[in-house]
Amino acid sequence: MPKARTKSPRHENSTELRVPLSCRSLAIIMHRKDRCGDGLLFPAKTRYRKNRAVEEKTIQTAVYSCHRYSQTRQDAG
């Protein structure tokens, strides 16, 4: 993530944010990059703006709902 998009871009010693990825994560990112080009990898469409970044909360909720201990899972009973 570029320094300008981090929480502290105004600090002189701050740097860009780099996150190490697992092989599976990297494969997903590369697949999305091939599909989306240089745009957003995970765009969210809304009524007001055509494309914007998906919010972290949306991704967290989707991941949680897939876990076996999630009470909101479709097949939970």
N, C-alpha and C. Protein backbone atom coordinates (compact mmCIF):
# COMPACT_ATOMS: atom_id res chain seq x y z
N MET A 1 0.85 -1.15 0.00
CA MET A 1 0.00 0.00 0.00
C MET A 1 0.91 1.23 0.00
N PRO A 2 0.66 2.16 -0.87
CA PRO A 2 1.48 3.35 -0.93
C PRO A 2 1.41 4.15 0.37
N LYS A 3 2.48 4.84 0.68
CA LYS A 3 2.56 5.65 1.90
C LYS A 3 1.39 6.61 2.02
N ALA A 4 0.93 7.17 0.93
CA ALA A 4 -0.15 8.16 0.95
C ALA A 4 -1.47 7.56 1.45
N ARG A 5 -1.63 6.24 1.35
CA ARG A 5 -2.88 5.62 1.78
C ARG A 5 -2.81 5.01 3.18
N THR A 6 -1.66 5.13 3.83
CA THR A 6 -1.52 4.60 5.19
C THR A 6 -2.05 5.61 6.20
N LYS A 7 -2.10 5.21 7.47
CA LYS A 7 -2.64 6.09 8.50
C LYS A 7 -1.75 7.28 8.81
N SER A 8 -0.48 7.18 8.49
CA SER A 8 0.43 8.26 8.87
C SER A 8 1.29 8.76 7.71
N PRO A 9 0.68 9.22 6.62
CA PRO A 9 1.48 9.67 5.49
C PRO A 9 2.23 10.97 5.76
N ARG A 10 1.78 11.71 6.77
CA ARG A 10 2.42 13.00 7.05
C ARG A 10 3.73 12.86 7.81
N HIS A 11 3.99 11.69 8.39
CA HIS A 11 5.23 11.48 9.13
C HIS A 11 6.37 11.21 8.16
N GLU A 12 7.45 11.91 8.38
CA GLU A 12 8.59 11.84 7.46
C GLU A 12 9.17 10.43 7.35
N ASN A 13 9.21 9.69 8.46
CA ASN A 13 9.85 8.38 8.45
C ASN A 13 8.90 7.22 8.12
N SER A 14 7.64 7.51 7.85
CA SER A 14 6.72 6.42 7.52
C SER A 14 7.03 5.91 6.12
N THR A 15 6.67 4.66 5.89
CA THR A 15 6.96 4.03 4.59
C THR A 15 5.70 3.36 4.06
N GLU A 16 5.80 2.82 2.86
CA GLU A 16 4.68 2.08 2.32
C GLU A 16 4.46 0.82 3.15
N LEU A 17 3.27 0.27 3.07
CA LEU A 17 2.93 -0.92 3.83
C LEU A 17 3.06 -2.14 2.94
N ARG A 18 3.87 -3.08 3.38
CA ARG A 18 4.05 -4.33 2.63
C ARG A 18 3.59 -5.49 3.49
N VAL A 19 2.81 -6.38 2.90
CA VAL A 19 2.27 -7.53 3.62
C VAL A 19 2.72 -8.80 2.90
N PRO A 20 3.39 -9.71 3.62
CA PRO A 20 3.77 -10.97 2.97
C PRO A 20 2.54 -11.82 2.68
N LEU A 21 2.51 -12.48 1.54
CA LEU A 21 1.36 -13.29 1.14
C LEU A 21 1.73 -14.77 1.07
N SER A 22 0.79 -15.62 1.43
CA SER A 22 0.98 -17.05 1.25
C SER A 22 0.86 -17.37 -0.24
N CYS A 23 1.25 -18.57 -0.62
CA CYS A 23 1.17 -18.97 -2.04
C CYS A 23 -0.27 -18.90 -2.55
N ARG A 24 -1.23 -19.34 -1.72
CA ARG A 24 -2.64 -19.32 -2.12
C ARG A 24 -3.13 -17.89 -2.29
N SER A 25 -2.75 -17.02 -1.35
CA SER A 25 -3.15 -15.61 -1.44
C SER A 25 -2.59 -14.97 -2.70
N LEU A 26 -1.33 -15.25 -2.98
CA LEU A 26 -0.69 -14.69 -4.17
C LEU A 26 -1.39 -15.17 -5.43
N ALA A 27 -1.79 -16.45 -5.45
CA ALA A 27 -2.49 -16.99 -6.63
C ALA A 27 -3.83 -16.27 -6.83
N ILE A 28 -4.55 -16.00 -5.75
CA ILE A 28 -5.83 -15.27 -5.85
C ILE A 28 -5.60 -13.86 -6.36
N ILE A 29 -4.60 -13.19 -5.82
CA ILE A 29 -4.29 -11.81 -6.24
C ILE A 29 -3.92 -11.78 -7.72
N MET A 30 -3.08 -12.71 -8.16
CA MET A 30 -2.66 -12.72 -9.56
C MET A 30 -3.83 -13.02 -10.49
N HIS A 31 -4.73 -13.91 -10.08
CA HIS A 31 -5.92 -14.21 -10.87
C HIS A 31 -6.79 -12.95 -11.00
N ARG A 32 -7.01 -12.26 -9.89
CA ARG A 32 -7.81 -11.04 -9.92
C ARG A 32 -7.14 -9.96 -10.76
N LYS A 33 -5.81 -9.86 -10.67
CA LYS A 33 -5.08 -8.85 -11.44
C LYS A 33 -5.21 -9.13 -12.94
N ASP A 34 -5.15 -10.41 -13.32
CA ASP A 34 -5.34 -10.76 -14.74
C ASP A 34 -6.75 -10.39 -15.20
N ARG A 35 -7.72 -10.58 -14.32
CA ARG A 35 -9.12 -10.31 -14.66
C ARG A 35 -9.45 -8.81 -14.65
N CYS A 36 -8.89 -8.07 -13.69
CA CYS A 36 -9.27 -6.67 -13.49
C CYS A 36 -8.28 -5.68 -14.08
N GLY A 37 -7.12 -6.13 -14.48
CA GLY A 37 -6.11 -5.21 -15.01
C GLY A 37 -5.53 -4.34 -13.91
N ASP A 38 -5.38 -3.06 -14.20
CA ASP A 38 -4.78 -2.14 -13.24
C ASP A 38 -5.80 -1.48 -12.33
N GLY A 39 -7.07 -1.88 -12.44
CA GLY A 39 -8.10 -1.29 -11.59
C GLY A 39 -8.12 -1.95 -10.22
N LEU A 40 -9.22 -1.78 -9.51
CA LEU A 40 -9.39 -2.38 -8.20
C LEU A 40 -9.49 -3.89 -8.32
N LEU A 41 -8.82 -4.62 -7.43
CA LEU A 41 -8.86 -6.08 -7.47
C LEU A 41 -10.20 -6.62 -6.97
N PHE A 42 -10.78 -5.93 -5.99
CA PHE A 42 -12.06 -6.35 -5.42
C PHE A 42 -13.00 -5.15 -5.39
N PRO A 43 -13.55 -4.77 -6.55
CA PRO A 43 -14.41 -3.59 -6.59
C PRO A 43 -15.79 -3.87 -6.01
N ALA A 44 -16.39 -2.83 -5.47
CA ALA A 44 -17.76 -2.91 -4.97
C ALA A 44 -18.58 -1.91 -5.78
N LYS A 45 -19.69 -2.36 -6.30
CA LYS A 45 -20.54 -1.46 -7.08
C LYS A 45 -21.66 -0.94 -6.19
N THR A 46 -21.92 0.34 -6.29
CA THR A 46 -22.99 0.96 -5.52
C THR A 46 -23.86 1.78 -6.45
N ARG A 47 -24.96 2.24 -5.92
CA ARG A 47 -25.85 3.10 -6.73
C ARG A 47 -25.18 4.43 -7.04
N TYR A 48 -24.42 4.94 -6.12
CA TYR A 48 -23.89 6.30 -6.23
C TYR A 48 -22.56 6.38 -6.96
N ARG A 49 -21.72 5.41 -6.75
CA ARG A 49 -20.43 5.37 -7.45
C ARG A 49 -20.35 4.02 -8.16
N LYS A 50 -19.86 4.05 -9.37
CA LYS A 50 -19.80 2.79 -10.12
C LYS A 50 -18.85 1.79 -9.45
N ASN A 51 -17.65 2.19 -9.17
CA ASN A 51 -16.68 1.29 -8.56
C ASN A 51 -15.98 1.99 -7.40
N ARG A 52 -15.83 1.27 -6.33
CA ARG A 52 -15.02 1.73 -5.20
C ARG A 52 -14.46 0.48 -4.54
N ALA A 53 -13.53 0.65 -3.64
CA ALA A 53 -12.91 -0.50 -2.98
C ALA A 53 -13.91 -1.15 -2.02
N VAL A 54 -13.86 -2.47 -1.94
CA VAL A 54 -14.69 -3.19 -0.98
C VAL A 54 -14.19 -2.85 0.41
N GLU A 55 -15.11 -2.63 1.34
CA GLU A 55 -14.73 -2.31 2.71
C GLU A 55 -14.23 -3.56 3.41
N GLU A 56 -13.27 -3.38 4.30
CA GLU A 56 -12.69 -4.50 5.04
C GLU A 56 -13.76 -5.25 5.83
N LYS A 57 -14.72 -4.52 6.37
CA LYS A 57 -15.80 -5.14 7.15
C LYS A 57 -16.59 -6.14 6.30
N THR A 58 -16.82 -5.82 5.04
CA THR A 58 -17.56 -6.70 4.15
C THR A 58 -16.81 -8.01 3.94
N ILE A 59 -15.50 -7.92 3.75
CA ILE A 59 -14.69 -9.12 3.56
C ILE A 59 -14.64 -9.94 4.84
N GLN A 60 -14.47 -9.30 5.99
CA GLN A 60 -14.43 -10.01 7.26
C GLN A 60 -15.74 -10.77 7.51
N THR A 61 -16.86 -10.14 7.23
CA THR A 61 -18.16 -10.78 7.42
C THR A 61 -18.31 -11.99 6.50
N ALA A 62 -17.90 -11.84 5.26
CA ALA A 62 -18.01 -12.96 4.32
C ALA A 62 -17.13 -14.13 4.74
N VAL A 63 -15.92 -13.85 5.19
CA VAL A 63 -15.01 -14.92 5.63
C VAL A 63 -15.57 -15.59 6.87
N TYR A 64 -16.04 -14.81 7.84
CA TYR A 64 -16.57 -15.37 9.07
C TYR A 64 -17.77 -16.28 8.80
N SER A 65 -18.63 -15.87 7.88
CA SER A 65 -19.84 -16.64 7.61
C SER A 65 -19.53 -18.00 6.98
N CYS A 66 -18.32 -18.21 6.49
CA CYS A 66 -17.93 -19.49 5.91
C CYS A 66 -17.35 -20.46 6.94
N HIS A 67 -16.96 -19.97 8.11
CA HIS A 67 -16.36 -20.84 9.13
C HIS A 67 -17.39 -21.79 9.72
N ARG A 68 -16.95 -22.96 10.12
CA ARG A 68 -17.85 -23.98 10.64
C ARG A 68 -18.53 -23.57 11.94
N TYR A 69 -17.92 -22.69 12.71
CA TYR A 69 -18.52 -22.26 13.98
C TYR A 69 -19.40 -21.03 13.84
N SER A 70 -19.58 -20.53 12.63
CA SER A 70 -20.42 -19.37 12.40
C SER A 70 -21.90 -19.75 12.49
N GLN A 71 -22.64 -19.04 13.29
CA GLN A 71 -24.08 -19.33 13.45
C GLN A 71 -24.89 -18.72 12.31
N THR A 72 -24.27 -17.92 11.46
CA THR A 72 -24.97 -17.31 10.33
C THR A 72 -24.75 -18.10 9.04
N ARG A 73 -24.02 -19.19 9.11
CA ARG A 73 -23.76 -20.01 7.94
C ARG A 73 -25.05 -20.61 7.41
N GLN A 74 -25.16 -20.75 6.10
CA GLN A 74 -26.37 -21.27 5.47
C GLN A 74 -26.73 -22.68 5.95
N ASP A 75 -25.73 -23.56 6.05
CA ASP A 75 -25.99 -24.95 6.41
C ASP A 75 -25.87 -25.21 7.91
N ALA A 76 -25.73 -24.12 8.72
CA ALA A 76 -25.65 -24.29 10.18
C ALA A 76 -27.01 -24.73 10.71
N GLY A 77 -26.99 -25.63 11.64
CA GLY A 77 -28.26 -26.10 12.13
C GLY A 77 -28.22 -26.39 13.52
